[in-house]
Amino acid sequence: MKPVIALVGRPNVGKSTLFNRFTKSRDAIVADFAGLTRDRHYGDGRLGKREYIVIDTGGFEPTAETGIVKEMAKQTRQAVAEADAVIFVVDVRGGLSAQDHDIARYLRTAGKKVLLAVNKAEGMRDSPMLAEFHELGIGEPIPVSAAHGQGVRSLLELALADFFDDEDEAEDETPEEERPIRLAVAGRPNVGKSTLINAWLGEERLVAFDMPGTTRDAIRVPFERQGQRFELIDTAGLRRKGKVFEAIEKFSVVKTLQAIADANVVLLLLDATQGVSDQDAHIAGYILESGRAVVVAINKWDAIDSYQRQMLERSIEARLSFLKFAPIVHISALKRQGLGPLWKALGEAYGSAFKKLSTPVLTRLIHDAAQHQAPKRSGSFRPKMRYAHQGGMNPPIVVIHGNSLDHIDDSYKRYLEARIRAHFGLTGTPLRIEMRSADNPFDDRER
């Protein structure tokens, strides 16, 4: 499971700049979920082989009692609750403020690993200005410059120090065929995720309650079906109503992101009575980015009439068009209808994600595709595909070698993808195509 780092601090101390350093991108995953402010962003990062999730939060005022500031404080508390480590960002040039003391007071009671990052400290590693931040009682101030990248890697290594060990590496060496299939059930609150898993298990293993967000932490349940071992992951997790902190949102976004990233197959559960929301589209987009096999199940199908079914199918075609490869199954978790076809679809999606693609067959496929429809010439360049091989699984990656392949456009890649899918019967899994052009020894010569 990826560790989670939350960035916390008052406004304009450089949290977003540090977030972009940690994720090495400005393309944050925006969590446009009900009740979340726009200031809250989730992103993936990697340090060597270590992967993690970063949460960027808005300006934090723990004592705020009204308006948008109160809502932002609520979101920051949620981020701290979800995090494994918290980085408290302060501004060395702005000095200490009363708000910094309020935040430090809250973090000391949060029971989390907290690091104090003193930002905008370029060229100030030995400055006496750092000393005043000891007053916060958080620990040793760590000087960094998010804008210039100074001290950022050291800060990140300290944040991740407790979350990776030799046991994790040994676990990664376990052959995939010896592990249970990790099946994550994802979807927005109250679509019936826990009810579905209970139907599979034949018992009330998870709390199912008619209130969005009954579940908070990702629950992993071992399960065996027809000799095949599974690990079912109920992605919004479980916390009884009395134990849900009033100040914390009841839907845990980060647990869903973690479960999706850690799964082999993801079941995206939609509510037939509610249609396809922005939240559904965001979850689907993250599944696609993660490269996971996916099956779409429409729950409560029995609760809508024929006209509503027709409108729902049109909505899925429009809003989830990027998941055209995913099979769609109609079910009723409460009445245990459609579970057989659902298991069949999940099995096919898993099989496709880990299917071995023969190099000779792939090479023949791309040659036949080029004979049927050659890639477009780009100026004086004529792309020529020479051979192809498999570059990875879950998702399957096809690497094509040749000349001038960087001129092949996305529409032609989709054409190749369709032919490969059709030949190997790939369903329910993304398929990635990488083009690698041979070096041209004459590129550097003077013309």
Protein backbone atom coordinates (compact mmCIF):
# COMPACT_ATOMS: atom_id res chain seq x y z
CA MET A 1 0.00 0.00 0.00
CA LYS A 2 1.39 3.40 -0.95
CA PRO A 3 2.17 5.68 2.01
CA VAL A 4 0.38 9.03 2.07
CA ILE A 5 2.03 12.40 2.72
CA ALA A 6 -0.11 15.44 3.55
CA LEU A 7 1.21 18.98 3.11
CA VAL A 8 -0.21 21.35 5.72
CA GLY A 9 0.37 25.02 6.50
CA ARG A 10 -1.07 28.51 6.36
CA PRO A 11 -1.71 30.16 2.97
CA ASN A 12 1.14 31.18 0.66
CA VAL A 13 3.96 29.25 2.31
CA GLY A 14 4.69 27.17 -0.82
CA LYS A 15 2.70 23.97 -0.26
CA SER A 16 1.59 23.69 -3.89
CA THR A 17 5.12 24.32 -5.16
CA LEU A 18 6.39 21.55 -2.89
CA PHE A 19 3.53 19.32 -4.08
CA ASN A 20 4.66 19.80 -7.68
CA ARG A 21 8.23 18.92 -6.68
CA PHE A 22 7.08 15.71 -4.99
CA THR A 23 4.90 14.64 -7.94
CA LYS A 24 7.33 15.96 -10.61
CA SER A 25 4.32 17.28 -12.45
CA ARG A 26 1.73 20.00 -12.36
CA ASP A 27 -0.96 17.50 -13.34
CA ALA A 28 -2.49 16.82 -9.95
CA ILE A 29 -5.41 14.45 -9.57
CA VAL A 30 -8.20 16.84 -8.64
CA ALA A 31 -10.59 15.26 -6.18
CA ASP A 32 -13.85 16.82 -7.37
CA PHE A 33 -15.92 14.91 -4.85
CA ALA A 34 -18.98 16.19 -3.03
CA GLY A 35 -17.98 18.17 0.02
CA LEU A 36 -14.34 18.64 -0.96
CA THR A 37 -12.92 22.06 -1.69
CA ARG A 38 -11.05 22.80 -4.90
CA ASP A 39 -7.90 23.44 -2.89
CA ARG A 40 -7.44 19.75 -2.19
CA HIS A 41 -5.34 17.81 -4.70
CA TYR A 42 -4.09 14.24 -4.81
CA GLY A 43 -1.02 13.23 -6.80
CA ASP A 44 1.28 10.25 -7.27
CA GLY A 45 5.01 10.43 -6.70
CA ARG A 46 8.00 8.14 -6.90
CA LEU A 47 11.40 8.18 -5.22
CA GLY A 48 13.47 5.43 -6.79
CA LYS A 49 11.32 2.31 -6.48
CA ARG A 50 9.27 3.81 -3.65
CA GLU A 51 5.83 5.10 -4.64
CA TYR A 52 3.64 7.37 -2.56
CA ILE A 53 0.56 9.63 -2.67
CA VAL A 54 0.76 13.34 -1.84
CA ILE A 55 -2.14 15.51 -0.66
CA ASP A 56 -1.98 19.26 -1.20
CA THR A 57 -4.30 21.24 1.07
CA GLY A 58 -5.58 24.79 1.24
CA GLY A 59 -4.53 27.32 3.86
CA PHE A 60 -5.23 25.86 7.31
CA GLU A 61 -6.84 27.85 10.11
CA PRO A 62 -7.69 25.32 12.84
CA THR A 63 -9.74 27.82 14.86
CA ALA A 64 -11.92 29.00 11.94
CA GLU A 65 -15.64 28.81 12.76
CA THR A 66 -17.45 30.18 9.71
CA GLY A 67 -17.43 30.39 5.92
CA ILE A 68 -15.08 28.88 3.37
CA VAL A 69 -12.14 29.06 5.79
CA LYS A 70 -13.97 26.63 8.08
CA GLU A 71 -14.58 24.28 5.14
CA MET A 72 -10.91 24.44 4.15
CA ALA A 73 -9.92 23.62 7.74
CA LYS A 74 -12.27 20.62 7.63
CA GLN A 75 -10.58 19.36 4.47
CA THR A 76 -7.14 19.75 5.97
CA ARG A 77 -8.18 17.74 9.03
CA GLN A 78 -9.38 15.03 6.66
CA ALA A 79 -6.02 15.06 4.86
CA VAL A 80 -4.18 14.71 8.19
CA ALA A 81 -6.46 11.84 9.21
CA GLU A 82 -5.74 10.02 5.94
CA ALA A 83 -1.99 10.64 5.98
CA ASP A 84 0.80 8.40 7.20
CA ALA A 85 3.14 11.40 7.48
CA VAL A 86 2.44 15.13 7.64
CA ILE A 87 4.80 17.84 6.41
CA PHE A 88 4.09 21.14 8.16
CA VAL A 89 5.27 23.88 5.80
CA VAL A 90 6.25 27.28 7.18
CA ASP A 91 7.83 30.37 5.59
CA VAL A 92 11.25 31.38 6.93
CA ARG A 93 11.04 34.82 5.32
CA GLY A 94 7.61 35.51 6.78
CA GLY A 95 8.67 34.29 10.22
CA LEU A 96 6.49 32.65 12.85
CA SER A 97 2.86 33.63 13.18
CA ALA A 98 0.06 32.93 15.61
CA GLN A 99 -1.54 30.76 12.94
CA ASP A 100 1.61 28.59 12.79
CA HIS A 101 1.30 28.04 16.55
CA ASP A 102 -2.37 27.05 16.16
CA ILE A 103 -1.49 24.52 13.44
CA ALA A 104 1.41 23.11 15.48
CA ARG A 105 -0.88 22.73 18.51
CA TYR A 106 -3.34 20.73 16.40
CA LEU A 107 -0.64 18.53 14.81
CA ARG A 108 0.89 17.66 18.19
CA THR A 109 -2.42 16.04 19.15
CA ALA A 110 -3.02 14.32 15.78
CA GLY A 111 -0.86 11.29 16.55
CA LYS A 112 0.90 11.42 13.17
CA LYS A 113 4.53 11.54 12.11
CA VAL A 114 5.15 15.27 11.52
CA LEU A 115 8.10 16.94 9.78
CA LEU A 116 8.66 20.70 9.95
CA ALA A 117 9.70 22.06 6.52
CA VAL A 118 10.96 25.66 6.62
CA ASN A 119 10.41 26.81 3.04
CA LYS A 120 12.00 29.65 1.03
CA ALA A 121 15.29 28.98 2.82
CA GLU A 122 17.59 29.01 -0.20
CA GLY A 123 21.07 29.96 0.99
CA MET A 124 19.88 30.07 4.61
CA ARG A 125 20.80 26.60 5.90
CA ASP A 126 22.87 28.05 8.75
CA SER A 127 20.76 31.15 9.28
CA PRO A 128 19.79 32.04 12.90
CA MET A 129 16.30 32.76 11.52
CA LEU A 130 15.66 29.01 11.56
CA ALA A 131 16.07 28.84 15.34
CA GLU A 132 12.76 30.51 16.16
CA PHE A 133 10.82 27.61 14.60
CA HIS A 134 11.90 25.37 17.49
CA GLU A 135 9.15 27.18 19.43
CA LEU A 136 6.55 25.14 17.56
CA GLY A 137 7.56 21.96 19.38
CA ILE A 138 7.30 19.87 16.19
CA GLY A 139 10.95 18.89 15.96
CA GLU A 140 14.05 19.97 14.11
CA PRO A 141 13.31 22.61 11.40
CA ILE A 142 14.31 21.31 7.96
CA PRO A 143 15.34 24.13 5.58
CA VAL A 144 14.09 23.64 2.01
CA SER A 145 13.44 25.68 -1.10
CA ALA A 146 10.49 24.24 -3.01
CA ALA A 147 10.96 26.76 -5.82
CA HIS A 148 14.61 25.81 -6.37
CA GLY A 149 14.44 22.17 -5.29
CA GLN A 150 16.99 22.56 -2.49
CA GLY A 151 16.58 20.06 0.34
CA VAL A 152 13.41 18.58 -1.18
CA ARG A 153 14.82 15.08 -1.74
CA SER A 154 16.19 14.88 1.81
CA LEU A 155 12.83 15.99 3.19
CA LEU A 156 11.02 13.34 1.13
CA GLU A 157 13.42 10.60 2.26
CA LEU A 158 12.77 11.53 5.90
CA ALA A 159 9.01 11.44 5.30
CA LEU A 160 9.19 7.96 3.72
CA ALA A 161 11.84 6.52 6.04
CA ASP A 162 9.43 4.46 8.18
CA PHE A 163 7.28 3.01 5.41
CA PHE A 164 9.60 0.80 3.34
CA ASP A 165 11.73 -2.10 4.53
CA ASP A 166 13.21 -5.40 3.40
CA GLU A 167 9.91 -7.19 3.99
CA ASP A 168 8.21 -4.97 1.41
CA GLU A 169 10.92 -5.81 -1.12
CA ALA A 170 10.62 -9.52 -0.36
CA GLU A 171 6.87 -9.31 -0.89
CA ASP A 172 7.42 -7.74 -4.30
CA GLU A 173 9.50 -10.79 -5.30
CA THR A 174 6.59 -13.19 -4.79
CA PRO A 175 5.53 -14.61 -8.19
CA GLU A 176 2.25 -13.08 -9.34
CA GLU A 177 0.67 -16.47 -9.98
CA GLU A 178 1.13 -17.39 -6.29
CA ARG A 179 -0.67 -14.31 -5.00
CA PRO A 180 -4.44 -13.98 -4.66
CA ILE A 181 -6.15 -11.80 -7.25
CA ARG A 182 -6.54 -8.36 -5.70
CA LEU A 183 -10.03 -7.13 -6.58
CA ALA A 184 -10.94 -3.57 -5.59
CA VAL A 185 -14.57 -2.46 -5.52
CA ALA A 186 -14.62 1.28 -6.26
CA GLY A 187 -17.37 3.82 -6.59
CA ARG A 188 -18.86 6.86 -4.95
CA PRO A 189 -20.58 6.57 -1.56
CA ASN A 190 -23.81 4.63 -1.17
CA VAL A 191 -23.75 2.75 -4.49
CA GLY A 192 -23.75 -0.62 -2.72
CA LYS A 193 -20.07 -1.63 -2.52
CA SER A 194 -20.32 -3.24 0.92
CA THR A 195 -23.67 -4.82 0.03
CA LEU A 196 -22.10 -6.45 -3.03
CA ILE A 197 -19.18 -7.88 -1.08
CA ASN A 198 -21.57 -9.19 1.56
CA ALA A 199 -23.55 -10.87 -1.25
CA TRP A 200 -20.37 -12.53 -2.50
CA LEU A 201 -19.39 -13.68 0.97
CA GLY A 202 -22.88 -14.77 1.95
CA GLU A 203 -22.60 -12.99 5.28
CA GLU A 204 -22.80 -9.50 6.81
CA ARG A 205 -19.00 -9.19 6.90
CA LEU A 206 -19.05 -5.43 6.21
CA VAL A 207 -21.32 -2.79 7.68
CA ALA A 208 -23.89 -1.77 5.05
CA PHE A 209 -25.86 1.29 6.10
CA ASP A 210 -28.10 3.60 4.09
CA MET A 211 -25.89 6.62 4.62
CA PRO A 212 -23.10 7.73 2.26
CA GLY A 213 -19.66 7.06 3.65
CA THR A 214 -20.37 4.40 6.27
CA THR A 215 -17.02 2.94 5.20
CA ARG A 216 -13.74 4.89 5.58
CA ASP A 217 -10.72 2.60 5.61
CA ALA A 218 -10.01 0.09 2.86
CA ILE A 219 -11.10 -3.32 4.14
CA ARG A 220 -9.35 -6.41 2.74
CA VAL A 221 -11.30 -9.65 2.83
CA PRO A 222 -9.82 -13.02 1.75
CA PHE A 223 -12.20 -14.97 -0.47
CA GLU A 224 -12.04 -18.15 -2.54
CA ARG A 225 -14.26 -18.99 -5.47
CA GLN A 226 -14.02 -22.18 -7.54
CA GLY A 227 -10.46 -22.79 -6.32
CA GLN A 228 -9.25 -19.28 -7.12
CA ARG A 229 -8.08 -17.11 -4.21
CA PHE A 230 -9.11 -13.45 -4.14
CA GLU A 231 -8.46 -10.50 -1.88
CA LEU A 232 -11.56 -8.31 -1.95
CA ILE A 233 -10.93 -4.64 -1.20
CA ASP A 234 -13.92 -2.53 -0.19
CA THR A 235 -12.47 0.87 -1.11
CA ALA A 236 -14.05 3.41 1.09
CA GLY A 237 -13.36 1.26 4.13
CA LEU A 238 -15.31 0.84 7.31
CA ARG A 239 -15.92 3.00 10.33
CA ARG A 240 -19.02 2.79 12.46
CA LYS A 241 -21.13 5.90 12.70
CA GLY A 242 -20.18 6.59 16.31
CA LYS A 243 -16.48 6.57 15.46
CA VAL A 244 -16.60 8.96 12.54
CA PHE A 245 -15.09 12.26 13.61
CA GLU A 246 -17.58 15.04 13.04
CA ALA A 247 -14.93 17.26 11.48
CA ILE A 248 -13.85 14.62 8.97
CA GLU A 249 -15.54 13.91 5.65
CA LYS A 250 -17.11 10.46 5.58
CA PHE A 251 -15.70 9.55 2.19
CA SER A 252 -11.99 8.79 2.11
CA VAL A 253 -10.64 9.59 -1.35
CA VAL A 254 -7.10 8.53 -0.64
CA LYS A 255 -8.11 5.00 0.39
CA THR A 256 -9.81 4.56 -2.96
CA LEU A 257 -6.70 5.77 -4.81
CA GLN A 258 -4.50 3.42 -2.79
CA ALA A 259 -6.76 0.43 -3.34
CA ILE A 260 -6.98 1.05 -7.10
CA ALA A 261 -3.20 1.37 -7.42
CA ASP A 262 -2.69 -1.85 -5.43
CA ALA A 263 -5.34 -3.93 -7.25
CA ASN A 264 -5.11 -6.30 -10.21
CA VAL A 265 -8.72 -5.72 -11.24
CA VAL A 266 -11.07 -2.88 -10.30
CA LEU A 267 -14.85 -3.17 -10.25
CA LEU A 268 -16.31 0.28 -10.88
CA LEU A 269 -19.77 0.23 -9.32
CA LEU A 270 -22.39 2.70 -10.57
CA ASP A 271 -25.83 3.43 -9.12
CA ALA A 272 -28.51 3.00 -11.79
CA THR A 273 -30.88 5.33 -9.90
CA GLN A 274 -28.33 8.16 -9.76
CA GLY A 275 -26.74 8.04 -13.22
CA VAL A 276 -23.10 8.83 -14.02
CA SER A 277 -21.70 11.71 -11.95
CA ASP A 278 -18.50 13.74 -12.16
CA GLN A 279 -17.27 11.71 -9.24
CA ASP A 280 -17.76 8.45 -11.19
CA ALA A 281 -15.82 9.94 -14.12
CA HIS A 282 -12.94 11.00 -11.84
CA ILE A 283 -12.67 7.53 -10.32
CA ALA A 284 -12.80 5.96 -13.80
CA GLY A 285 -10.07 8.34 -14.96
CA TYR A 286 -7.80 7.33 -12.12
CA ILE A 287 -8.39 3.65 -12.88
CA LEU A 288 -7.33 4.29 -16.47
CA GLU A 289 -4.24 6.27 -15.40
CA SER A 290 -3.27 3.46 -13.07
CA GLY A 291 -3.49 0.96 -15.93
CA ARG A 292 -5.73 -1.43 -14.05
CA ALA A 293 -8.14 -3.91 -15.59
CA VAL A 294 -11.70 -2.73 -15.01
CA VAL A 295 -15.27 -3.98 -15.20
CA VAL A 296 -18.21 -1.58 -14.91
CA ALA A 297 -21.17 -2.89 -12.90
CA ILE A 298 -24.46 -1.00 -12.79
CA ASN A 299 -26.08 -1.73 -9.46
CA LYS A 300 -29.82 -1.39 -8.67
CA TRP A 301 -30.59 -2.13 -12.33
CA ASP A 302 -33.92 -3.62 -11.26
CA ALA A 303 -34.98 -0.29 -9.73
CA ILE A 304 -35.30 1.66 -13.00
CA ASP A 305 -37.64 1.37 -15.99
CA SER A 306 -36.77 0.87 -19.66
CA TYR A 307 -36.62 4.59 -20.47
CA GLN A 308 -34.26 5.28 -17.55
CA ARG A 309 -32.10 2.34 -18.65
CA GLN A 310 -31.82 3.78 -22.16
CA MET A 311 -30.85 7.22 -20.83
CA LEU A 312 -28.31 5.69 -18.44
CA GLU A 313 -26.62 3.75 -21.24
CA ARG A 314 -26.34 6.95 -23.30
CA SER A 315 -24.84 8.72 -20.30
CA ILE A 316 -22.24 5.99 -19.87
CA GLU A 317 -21.31 6.18 -23.55
CA ALA A 318 -20.83 9.95 -23.29
CA ARG A 319 -19.14 10.34 -19.90
CA LEU A 320 -17.13 7.11 -19.74
CA SER A 321 -16.21 6.89 -23.42
CA PHE A 322 -12.54 6.38 -22.46
CA LEU A 323 -13.52 3.03 -20.89
CA LYS A 324 -14.95 1.51 -24.08
CA PHE A 325 -12.78 -1.56 -23.54
CA ALA A 326 -14.49 -2.31 -20.21
CA PRO A 327 -17.41 -4.77 -20.14
CA ILE A 328 -20.64 -3.49 -18.57
CA VAL A 329 -22.70 -5.81 -16.34
CA HIS A 330 -26.15 -5.11 -14.88
CA ILE A 331 -26.63 -6.35 -11.33
CA SER A 332 -28.65 -6.04 -8.15
CA ALA A 333 -26.38 -6.62 -5.15
CA LEU A 334 -29.33 -6.64 -2.74
CA LYS A 335 -31.23 -9.30 -4.71
CA ARG A 336 -28.04 -11.15 -5.76
CA GLN A 337 -28.91 -10.82 -9.46
CA GLY A 338 -26.29 -10.83 -12.21
CA LEU A 339 -23.43 -12.00 -10.00
CA GLY A 340 -22.55 -14.94 -12.27
CA PRO A 341 -21.97 -12.82 -15.40
CA LEU A 342 -20.10 -10.32 -13.21
CA TRP A 343 -17.60 -12.97 -12.06
CA LYS A 344 -17.14 -14.11 -15.65
CA ALA A 345 -16.37 -10.54 -16.77
CA LEU A 346 -13.92 -10.04 -13.89
CA GLY A 347 -12.12 -13.27 -14.74
CA GLU A 348 -11.80 -12.30 -18.40
CA ALA A 349 -10.50 -8.83 -17.48
CA TYR A 350 -7.84 -10.33 -15.20
CA GLY A 351 -6.85 -12.88 -17.83
CA SER A 352 -6.50 -10.15 -20.45
CA ALA A 353 -4.37 -7.97 -18.14
CA PHE A 354 -1.84 -10.79 -17.69
CA LYS A 355 -2.05 -12.40 -21.14
CA LYS A 356 1.25 -13.21 -22.84
CA LEU A 357 1.48 -11.74 -26.32
CA SER A 358 3.74 -13.60 -28.73
CA THR A 359 6.45 -11.53 -30.45
CA PRO A 360 6.06 -13.23 -33.87
CA VAL A 361 2.29 -12.79 -33.74
CA LEU A 362 2.56 -9.13 -32.72
CA THR A 363 5.06 -8.45 -35.50
CA ARG A 364 2.82 -10.10 -38.07
CA LEU A 365 -0.17 -8.13 -36.78
CA ILE A 366 1.52 -4.74 -37.22
CA HIS A 367 2.79 -5.68 -40.69
CA ASP A 368 -0.71 -6.77 -41.74
CA ALA A 369 -2.14 -3.57 -40.27
CA ALA A 370 0.35 -1.45 -42.23
CA GLN A 371 -0.50 -3.27 -45.47
CA HIS A 372 -4.19 -2.64 -44.89
CA GLN A 373 -3.68 1.00 -43.84
CA ALA A 374 -0.20 2.54 -43.83
CA PRO A 375 0.62 5.31 -41.33
CA LYS A 376 0.46 8.81 -42.77
CA ARG A 377 3.61 10.36 -44.16
CA SER A 378 4.80 13.35 -42.12
CA GLY A 379 6.67 15.68 -44.46
CA SER A 380 9.64 13.76 -45.78
CA PHE A 381 9.27 11.08 -43.10
CA ARG A 382 7.63 7.73 -43.81
CA PRO A 383 7.08 5.83 -40.53
CA LYS A 384 8.04 2.18 -40.89
CA MET A 385 7.21 -0.42 -38.24
CA ARG A 386 9.70 -3.30 -38.22
CA TYR A 387 8.83 -5.56 -35.26
CA ALA A 388 6.87 -5.57 -32.00
CA HIS A 389 7.10 -7.33 -28.64
CA GLN A 390 5.40 -7.28 -25.27
CA GLY A 391 6.89 -4.79 -22.81
CA GLY A 392 4.83 -5.52 -19.70
CA MET A 393 1.62 -6.79 -18.14
CA ASN A 394 -1.18 -5.29 -16.05
CA PRO A 395 -1.65 -3.37 -18.27
CA PRO A 396 -0.31 -5.13 -21.38
CA ILE A 397 2.29 -2.97 -23.12
CA VAL A 398 3.19 -3.45 -26.78
CA VAL A 399 6.52 -1.96 -27.86
CA ILE A 400 6.89 -1.30 -31.58
CA HIS A 401 10.32 -0.69 -33.10
CA GLY A 402 11.03 0.97 -36.42
CA ASN A 403 11.96 4.22 -38.12
CA SER A 404 10.37 7.67 -37.71
CA LEU A 405 7.71 6.21 -35.39
CA ASP A 406 7.48 9.44 -33.39
CA HIS A 407 5.48 10.80 -36.35
CA ILE A 408 2.69 8.23 -35.89
CA ASP A 409 -0.38 9.98 -34.50
CA ASP A 410 -2.81 8.84 -31.79
CA SER A 411 -5.52 7.85 -34.26
CA TYR A 412 -3.21 5.32 -35.90
CA LYS A 413 -2.23 3.97 -32.48
CA ARG A 414 -5.92 3.44 -31.74
CA TYR A 415 -6.22 1.58 -35.06
CA LEU A 416 -3.33 -0.71 -34.07
CA GLU A 417 -4.81 -1.18 -30.60
CA ALA A 418 -8.15 -2.28 -32.06
CA ARG A 419 -6.48 -4.92 -34.25
CA ILE A 420 -4.36 -6.24 -31.39
CA ARG A 421 -7.36 -6.38 -29.07
CA ALA A 422 -9.45 -8.21 -31.64
CA HIS A 423 -6.77 -10.84 -32.36
CA PHE A 424 -5.90 -11.64 -28.72
CA GLY A 425 -9.41 -11.16 -27.37
CA LEU A 426 -8.36 -8.52 -24.85
CA THR A 427 -11.26 -7.16 -22.84
CA GLY A 428 -11.48 -5.13 -19.68
CA THR A 429 -7.87 -3.99 -19.66
CA PRO A 430 -6.12 -0.89 -21.00
CA LEU A 431 -3.57 -1.58 -23.73
CA ARG A 432 -0.59 0.71 -24.08
CA ILE A 433 1.43 1.06 -27.26
CA GLU A 434 4.96 2.48 -27.15
CA MET A 435 6.83 3.54 -30.27
CA ARG A 436 10.63 3.31 -30.33
CA SER A 437 12.48 4.66 -33.32
CA ALA A 438 15.96 3.50 -34.27
CA ASP A 439 18.68 6.15 -34.01
CA ASN A 440 19.46 7.89 -37.28
CA PRO A 441 23.27 8.22 -37.69
CA PHE A 442 22.75 11.12 -40.10
CA ASP A 443 20.63 13.27 -37.74
CA ASP A 444 23.59 15.44 -36.70
CA ARG A 445 25.13 15.97 -40.10
CA GLU A 446 25.00 19.37 -41.71
CA ARG A 447 22.50 19.72 -44.50
